[in-house]
Amino acid sequence: MSEPTFDFIIVGAGTAGCLLANRLSRDSSRRVLLIEAGGKDDYHWVHIPVGYLYCIGNPRTDWLYQTEPAAGLNGRTLRYPRGKVLGAAAASTA
């Protein structure tokens, strides 16, 4: 059996990645692979508008990134929320 080949490989199934994969795959002659490291969005707070308050800083839905220490912040770092679920918009809203 031969290795699968793809015309496009999209890394990240957040809002933009899913939209791009959808548009590219409309042409049935193209093979599109969409890769996402995060899990399903089955956490109830992901689907509630105010739920982002429970998603930011939560390792279930946020990659927990931090900025590098900045001189302008007196050496402090800041949270850099990034979604960790399919369609990652919920945890990225900050």
N, C-alpha and C. Protein backbone atom coordinates (compact mmCIF):
# COMPACT_ATOMS: atom_id res chain seq x y z
N MET A 1 0.84 -1.18 0.00
CA MET A 1 0.00 0.00 0.00
C MET A 1 0.89 1.24 0.00
N SER A 2 0.58 2.20 -0.83
CA SER A 2 1.41 3.40 -0.93
C SER A 2 1.06 4.40 0.17
N GLU A 3 2.00 5.26 0.47
CA GLU A 3 1.78 6.31 1.46
C GLU A 3 0.76 7.31 0.91
N PRO A 4 -0.13 7.81 1.77
CA PRO A 4 -1.08 8.82 1.28
C PRO A 4 -0.36 10.11 0.93
N THR A 5 -0.83 10.79 -0.08
CA THR A 5 -0.27 12.09 -0.46
C THR A 5 -1.38 13.13 -0.41
N PHE A 6 -0.97 14.35 -0.13
CA PHE A 6 -1.93 15.44 0.00
C PHE A 6 -1.43 16.64 -0.80
N ASP A 7 -2.38 17.39 -1.33
CA ASP A 7 -2.04 18.63 -2.02
C ASP A 7 -1.78 19.75 -1.02
N PHE A 8 -2.50 19.71 0.09
CA PHE A 8 -2.37 20.74 1.13
C PHE A 8 -2.37 20.08 2.49
N ILE A 9 -1.51 20.56 3.38
CA ILE A 9 -1.51 20.13 4.77
C ILE A 9 -1.68 21.39 5.61
N ILE A 10 -2.74 21.42 6.40
CA ILE A 10 -3.04 22.58 7.23
C ILE A 10 -2.81 22.17 8.68
N VAL A 11 -1.97 22.91 9.38
CA VAL A 11 -1.66 22.62 10.77
C VAL A 11 -2.44 23.61 11.63
N GLY A 12 -3.36 23.08 12.42
CA GLY A 12 -4.19 23.91 13.29
C GLY A 12 -5.62 23.97 12.81
N ALA A 13 -6.52 23.36 13.57
CA ALA A 13 -7.93 23.34 13.19
C ALA A 13 -8.73 24.35 14.00
N GLY A 14 -8.14 25.54 14.15
CA GLY A 14 -8.89 26.64 14.74
C GLY A 14 -9.85 27.19 13.68
N THR A 15 -10.40 28.33 13.93
CA THR A 15 -11.37 28.91 13.02
C THR A 15 -10.79 29.05 11.61
N ALA A 16 -9.62 29.63 11.49
CA ALA A 16 -9.02 29.86 10.16
C ALA A 16 -8.64 28.55 9.48
N GLY A 17 -8.06 27.61 10.22
CA GLY A 17 -7.66 26.33 9.63
C GLY A 17 -8.85 25.55 9.11
N CYS A 18 -9.94 25.50 9.87
CA CYS A 18 -11.14 24.78 9.44
C CYS A 18 -11.76 25.44 8.21
N LEU A 19 -11.81 26.76 8.22
CA LEU A 19 -12.36 27.48 7.08
C LEU A 19 -11.53 27.22 5.82
N LEU A 20 -10.23 27.30 5.95
CA LEU A 20 -9.35 27.07 4.80
C LEU A 20 -9.48 25.63 4.29
N ALA A 21 -9.50 24.67 5.19
CA ALA A 21 -9.66 23.26 4.78
C ALA A 21 -10.99 23.05 4.06
N ASN A 22 -12.03 23.67 4.56
CA ASN A 22 -13.34 23.55 3.92
C ASN A 22 -13.32 24.10 2.50
N ARG A 23 -12.75 25.26 2.34
CA ARG A 23 -12.72 25.88 1.00
C ARG A 23 -11.84 25.11 0.03
N LEU A 24 -10.69 24.65 0.49
CA LEU A 24 -9.79 23.91 -0.39
C LEU A 24 -10.38 22.56 -0.78
N SER A 25 -11.13 21.95 0.13
CA SER A 25 -11.66 20.61 -0.14
C SER A 25 -12.93 20.64 -1.00
N ARG A 26 -13.44 21.80 -1.32
CA ARG A 26 -14.61 21.87 -2.21
C ARG A 26 -14.28 21.32 -3.60
N ASP A 27 -13.03 21.45 -3.99
CA ASP A 27 -12.58 20.86 -5.26
C ASP A 27 -12.21 19.41 -4.96
N SER A 28 -13.02 18.48 -5.44
CA SER A 28 -12.81 17.07 -5.11
C SER A 28 -11.52 16.49 -5.67
N SER A 29 -10.85 17.20 -6.55
CA SER A 29 -9.58 16.70 -7.07
C SER A 29 -8.42 17.00 -6.12
N ARG A 30 -8.65 17.83 -5.10
CA ARG A 30 -7.61 18.17 -4.13
C ARG A 30 -7.75 17.31 -2.89
N ARG A 31 -6.60 16.89 -2.37
CA ARG A 31 -6.57 16.14 -1.12
C ARG A 31 -6.02 17.05 -0.03
N VAL A 32 -6.81 17.23 1.02
CA VAL A 32 -6.47 18.17 2.09
C VAL A 32 -6.37 17.40 3.41
N LEU A 33 -5.29 17.63 4.14
CA LEU A 33 -5.11 17.04 5.46
C LEU A 33 -5.13 18.18 6.48
N LEU A 34 -6.02 18.06 7.47
CA LEU A 34 -6.13 19.05 8.54
C LEU A 34 -5.67 18.38 9.83
N ILE A 35 -4.64 18.95 10.47
CA ILE A 35 -4.05 18.37 11.69
C ILE A 35 -4.34 19.30 12.86
N GLU A 36 -4.81 18.72 13.97
CA GLU A 36 -5.07 19.50 15.17
C GLU A 36 -4.53 18.73 16.38
N ALA A 37 -3.75 19.39 17.22
CA ALA A 37 -3.18 18.76 18.41
C ALA A 37 -4.15 18.76 19.58
N GLY A 38 -5.06 19.72 19.61
CA GLY A 38 -6.02 19.79 20.71
C GLY A 38 -7.13 18.76 20.53
N GLY A 39 -7.99 18.69 21.52
CA GLY A 39 -9.06 17.70 21.48
C GLY A 39 -10.39 18.25 20.99
N LYS A 40 -11.44 17.44 21.17
CA LYS A 40 -12.78 17.83 20.79
C LYS A 40 -13.24 18.98 21.68
N ASP A 41 -14.21 19.74 21.19
CA ASP A 41 -14.73 20.88 21.97
C ASP A 41 -15.95 20.44 22.80
N ASP A 42 -15.82 19.33 23.53
CA ASP A 42 -16.94 18.81 24.31
C ASP A 42 -17.02 19.38 25.74
N TYR A 43 -16.18 20.33 26.05
CA TYR A 43 -16.23 21.00 27.35
C TYR A 43 -17.35 22.04 27.28
N HIS A 44 -18.32 22.00 28.18
CA HIS A 44 -19.50 22.85 28.05
C HIS A 44 -19.19 24.35 28.03
N TRP A 45 -18.14 24.80 28.70
CA TRP A 45 -17.82 26.22 28.73
C TRP A 45 -17.36 26.75 27.37
N VAL A 46 -16.92 25.89 26.48
CA VAL A 46 -16.49 26.32 25.14
C VAL A 46 -17.68 26.88 24.36
N HIS A 47 -18.89 26.43 24.65
CA HIS A 47 -20.07 26.78 23.87
C HIS A 47 -20.91 27.89 24.48
N ILE A 48 -20.48 28.45 25.59
CA ILE A 48 -21.21 29.52 26.26
C ILE A 48 -20.39 30.80 26.12
N PRO A 49 -21.02 31.91 25.65
CA PRO A 49 -20.23 33.13 25.42
C PRO A 49 -19.35 33.57 26.58
N VAL A 50 -19.83 33.54 27.80
CA VAL A 50 -19.01 33.95 28.94
C VAL A 50 -18.05 32.84 29.36
N GLY A 51 -18.15 31.68 28.72
CA GLY A 51 -17.33 30.53 29.07
C GLY A 51 -15.84 30.73 28.86
N TYR A 52 -15.46 31.73 28.04
CA TYR A 52 -14.03 31.96 27.83
C TYR A 52 -13.33 32.26 29.15
N LEU A 53 -14.06 32.77 30.13
CA LEU A 53 -13.48 33.04 31.44
C LEU A 53 -13.00 31.75 32.11
N TYR A 54 -13.65 30.63 31.79
CA TYR A 54 -13.29 29.34 32.36
C TYR A 54 -12.35 28.55 31.45
N CYS A 55 -12.14 29.05 30.24
CA CYS A 55 -11.27 28.36 29.29
C CYS A 55 -9.84 28.91 29.31
N ILE A 56 -9.72 30.21 29.50
CA ILE A 56 -8.39 30.83 29.56
C ILE A 56 -7.70 30.39 30.85
N GLY A 57 -6.50 29.88 30.72
CA GLY A 57 -5.77 29.39 31.89
C GLY A 57 -6.13 27.98 32.30
N ASN A 58 -6.99 27.34 31.55
CA ASN A 58 -7.41 25.97 31.84
C ASN A 58 -6.64 25.04 30.88
N PRO A 59 -5.82 24.14 31.38
CA PRO A 59 -5.01 23.30 30.50
C PRO A 59 -5.85 22.41 29.58
N ARG A 60 -7.13 22.24 29.87
CA ARG A 60 -8.00 21.46 28.99
C ARG A 60 -8.29 22.19 27.69
N THR A 61 -8.30 23.53 27.73
CA THR A 61 -8.70 24.31 26.56
C THR A 61 -7.69 25.37 26.13
N ASP A 62 -6.61 25.53 26.86
CA ASP A 62 -5.63 26.59 26.59
C ASP A 62 -4.22 25.99 26.60
N TRP A 63 -3.40 26.38 25.64
CA TRP A 63 -2.02 25.88 25.59
C TRP A 63 -1.15 26.47 26.69
N LEU A 64 -1.63 27.45 27.43
CA LEU A 64 -0.93 28.07 28.57
C LEU A 64 0.38 28.74 28.17
N TYR A 65 0.41 29.36 27.00
CA TYR A 65 1.61 30.07 26.57
C TYR A 65 1.78 31.34 27.38
N GLN A 66 3.04 31.75 27.52
CA GLN A 66 3.38 33.02 28.17
C GLN A 66 4.37 33.75 27.29
N THR A 67 4.34 35.08 27.37
CA THR A 67 5.30 35.87 26.61
C THR A 67 6.66 35.78 27.31
N GLU A 68 7.68 36.19 26.63
CA GLU A 68 9.00 36.30 27.25
C GLU A 68 9.00 37.49 28.21
N PRO A 69 9.83 37.47 29.22
CA PRO A 69 9.91 38.64 30.11
C PRO A 69 10.25 39.89 29.29
N ALA A 70 9.54 40.97 29.58
CA ALA A 70 9.72 42.20 28.81
C ALA A 70 10.21 43.33 29.73
N ALA A 71 11.19 44.06 29.23
CA ALA A 71 11.73 45.18 30.01
C ALA A 71 10.64 46.21 30.30
N GLY A 72 9.77 46.46 29.32
CA GLY A 72 8.68 47.43 29.48
C GLY A 72 7.64 47.00 30.50
N LEU A 73 7.68 45.74 30.89
CA LEU A 73 6.77 45.23 31.91
C LEU A 73 7.51 44.93 33.21
N ASN A 74 8.68 45.56 33.35
CA ASN A 74 9.50 45.38 34.54
C ASN A 74 9.92 43.91 34.71
N GLY A 75 10.19 43.25 33.57
CA GLY A 75 10.65 41.87 33.60
C GLY A 75 9.56 40.82 33.72
N ARG A 76 8.31 41.27 33.76
CA ARG A 76 7.20 40.32 33.92
C ARG A 76 6.83 39.67 32.57
N THR A 77 6.08 38.59 32.68
CA THR A 77 5.53 37.92 31.50
C THR A 77 4.02 38.10 31.51
N LEU A 78 3.40 37.88 30.36
CA LEU A 78 1.95 37.94 30.23
C LEU A 78 1.42 36.61 29.72
N ARG A 79 0.19 36.29 30.08
CA ARG A 79 -0.46 35.12 29.49
C ARG A 79 -0.72 35.40 28.02
N TYR A 80 -0.64 34.36 27.22
CA TYR A 80 -0.93 34.48 25.79
C TYR A 80 -1.90 33.36 25.44
N PRO A 81 -3.20 33.54 25.75
CA PRO A 81 -4.17 32.47 25.57
C PRO A 81 -4.28 32.03 24.11
N ARG A 82 -4.22 30.74 23.88
CA ARG A 82 -4.39 30.13 22.55
C ARG A 82 -5.24 28.89 22.73
N GLY A 83 -6.28 28.78 21.92
CA GLY A 83 -7.22 27.68 22.02
C GLY A 83 -6.59 26.33 21.79
N LYS A 84 -7.08 25.33 22.48
CA LYS A 84 -6.55 23.98 22.41
C LYS A 84 -7.66 22.97 22.10
N VAL A 85 -8.62 23.40 21.29
CA VAL A 85 -9.71 22.53 20.87
C VAL A 85 -10.00 22.77 19.40
N LEU A 86 -10.71 21.84 18.81
CA LEU A 86 -11.13 21.99 17.43
C LEU A 86 -11.98 23.25 17.32
N GLY A 87 -11.62 24.16 16.42
CA GLY A 87 -12.35 25.41 16.29
C GLY A 87 -11.97 26.42 17.36
N ALA A 88 -10.79 26.43 17.83
CA ALA A 88 -10.21 27.08 19.01
C ALA A 88 -10.61 28.50 19.36
N ALA A 89 -11.61 29.07 18.79
CA ALA A 89 -11.95 30.47 19.06
C ALA A 89 -12.26 30.75 20.53
N ALA A 90 -12.88 29.83 21.22
CA ALA A 90 -13.33 30.11 22.60
C ALA A 90 -12.19 30.48 23.52
N ALA A 91 -11.12 29.72 23.54
CA ALA A 91 -10.02 30.00 24.46
C ALA A 91 -9.09 31.06 23.93
N SER A 92 -9.26 31.48 22.69
CA SER A 92 -8.38 32.50 22.12
C SER A 92 -8.92 33.90 22.28
N THR A 93 -10.12 34.04 22.80
CA THR A 93 -10.75 35.35 22.91
C THR A 93 -10.24 36.04 24.17
N ALA A 94 -9.30 36.94 23.98
CA ALA A 94 -8.80 37.68 25.13
C ALA A 94 -8.21 38.99 24.68
